[in-house]
Amino acid sequence: MALRIRLARGGAKKRPFYRIIVADSRSPRDGRFIEVLGTYDPMLPSDRSDRVVLKTERVQYWLGVGAQPSDRVAIFCARAGLMTLPERPDQTLKPQPKKKAQARLQAAAAAPAG
């Protein structure tokens, strides 16, 4: 059974509130879970201490057992000092100009300004 530490959404429409939970990776986002490890309220300002609340000893236990945190929960745990900040994957090349547009830009840069 692969365990994940992830967010489960609650709250009203356009007023999100998340619980940080441990669940089987195959269970749905808001479905069955094993334990609640904390809360995350994105509506609060980022400088408030109660924006992210974690039960640190339980998070350490589940990380020790082998539960894998989601990307967002890994950032929360790293800020709390429970683990190292994960590496960000390289960004894709999709927003860069295509081959012909790059050639036009190089030609315009090489041409003398006149």
Protein backbone atom coordinates (compact mmCIF):
# COMPACT_ATOMS: atom_id res chain seq x y z
CA MET A 1 0.00 0.00 0.00
CA ALA A 2 1.58 3.26 -1.17
CA LEU A 3 0.86 6.08 1.24
CA ARG A 4 0.72 9.75 0.31
CA ILE A 5 0.60 12.84 2.49
CA ARG A 6 -1.59 15.22 0.53
CA LEU A 7 -4.32 17.85 0.66
CA ALA A 8 -8.06 17.12 0.85
CA ARG A 9 -10.26 20.06 -0.07
CA GLY A 10 -13.09 21.32 2.06
CA GLY A 11 -14.82 24.65 2.49
CA ALA A 12 -17.38 26.44 0.37
CA LYS A 13 -17.28 27.40 -3.27
CA LYS A 14 -14.49 29.97 -3.88
CA ARG A 15 -13.50 29.68 -0.18
CA PRO A 16 -11.09 26.72 -0.11
CA PHE A 17 -9.89 25.06 3.06
CA TYR A 18 -7.62 22.04 3.02
CA ARG A 19 -6.85 19.26 5.46
CA ILE A 20 -3.40 17.69 5.27
CA ILE A 21 -4.03 13.96 5.37
CA VAL A 22 -2.37 10.57 4.99
CA ALA A 23 -4.18 8.41 2.47
CA ASP A 24 -3.65 5.48 0.17
CA SER A 25 -2.45 6.82 -3.17
CA ARG A 26 -5.34 5.07 -4.96
CA SER A 27 -8.08 6.74 -2.92
CA PRO A 28 -9.80 9.86 -4.32
CA ARG A 29 -8.79 13.37 -3.26
CA ASP A 30 -11.69 13.92 -0.85
CA GLY A 31 -12.27 10.24 -0.18
CA ARG A 32 -11.10 7.79 2.44
CA PHE A 33 -8.03 8.71 4.47
CA ILE A 34 -6.06 7.29 7.37
CA GLU A 35 -5.25 10.31 9.56
CA VAL A 36 -5.50 14.11 9.56
CA LEU A 37 -2.07 15.69 10.03
CA GLY A 38 -2.97 19.36 9.87
CA THR A 39 -4.75 22.13 8.00
CA TYR A 40 -4.01 24.71 5.32
CA ASP A 41 -6.11 27.84 4.86
CA PRO A 42 -5.02 29.67 1.67
CA MET A 43 -7.46 32.53 2.35
CA LEU A 44 -5.32 33.77 5.24
CA PRO A 45 -2.36 36.10 4.59
CA SER A 46 0.95 34.29 4.19
CA ASP A 47 2.45 35.89 7.31
CA ARG A 48 -0.18 34.38 9.66
CA SER A 49 1.08 31.45 11.71
CA ASP A 50 -2.23 29.57 11.52
CA ARG A 51 -2.25 29.50 7.70
CA VAL A 52 -0.50 26.10 7.84
CA VAL A 53 -0.90 23.98 10.97
CA LEU A 54 0.99 20.68 11.15
CA LYS A 55 1.18 17.94 13.77
CA THR A 56 4.95 17.68 13.41
CA GLU A 57 5.48 14.47 15.38
CA ARG A 58 2.83 12.63 13.33
CA VAL A 59 4.24 13.98 10.04
CA GLN A 60 7.70 12.75 11.06
CA TYR A 61 6.23 9.35 11.91
CA TRP A 62 4.52 8.97 8.55
CA LEU A 63 7.60 10.18 6.65
CA GLY A 64 9.64 7.61 8.59
CA VAL A 65 7.20 4.85 7.69
CA GLY A 66 7.63 5.72 4.01
CA ALA A 67 4.71 7.98 3.11
CA GLN A 68 5.51 10.26 0.17
CA PRO A 69 4.40 13.91 0.43
CA SER A 70 2.79 15.68 -2.50
CA ASP A 71 4.65 18.68 -3.96
CA ARG A 72 2.69 21.27 -1.95
CA VAL A 73 2.89 19.30 1.31
CA ALA A 74 6.64 18.80 0.79
CA ILE A 75 7.02 22.59 0.64
CA PHE A 76 5.03 22.93 3.88
CA CYS A 77 7.18 20.28 5.58
CA ALA A 78 10.40 21.91 4.37
CA ARG A 79 9.32 25.29 5.77
CA ALA A 80 8.55 23.59 9.09
CA GLY A 81 12.03 22.03 9.10
CA LEU A 82 10.83 18.44 8.80
CA MET A 83 12.61 17.67 5.52
CA THR A 84 14.76 19.29 2.86
CA LEU A 85 13.13 21.35 0.14
CA PRO A 86 12.58 19.14 -2.93
CA GLU A 87 14.26 20.01 -6.21
CA ARG A 88 12.07 21.84 -8.68
CA PRO A 89 11.89 20.06 -12.04
CA ASP A 90 13.24 21.84 -15.10
CA GLN A 91 10.67 23.95 -16.86
CA THR A 92 9.49 22.87 -20.27
CA LEU A 93 10.49 24.58 -23.48
CA LYS A 94 6.88 25.23 -24.44
CA PRO A 95 6.76 29.00 -23.71
CA GLN A 96 9.91 29.64 -25.76
CA PRO A 97 9.55 30.80 -29.39
CA LYS A 98 9.55 28.13 -32.07
CA LYS A 99 12.42 27.48 -34.49
CA LYS A 100 11.43 29.99 -37.22
CA ALA A 101 10.75 32.75 -34.70
CA GLN A 102 14.13 32.15 -33.07
CA ALA A 103 15.80 32.41 -36.49
CA ARG A 104 14.04 35.74 -37.14
CA LEU A 105 15.16 37.06 -33.77
CA GLN A 106 18.77 36.02 -34.42
CA ALA A 107 18.68 37.62 -37.87
CA ALA A 108 17.28 40.85 -36.43
CA ALA A 109 19.97 40.89 -33.74
CA ALA A 110 22.76 40.28 -36.27
CA ALA A 111 21.54 42.99 -38.68
CA PRO A 112 23.09 46.42 -38.08
CA ALA A 113 20.75 48.96 -36.56
CA GLY A 114 20.24 51.62 -39.11
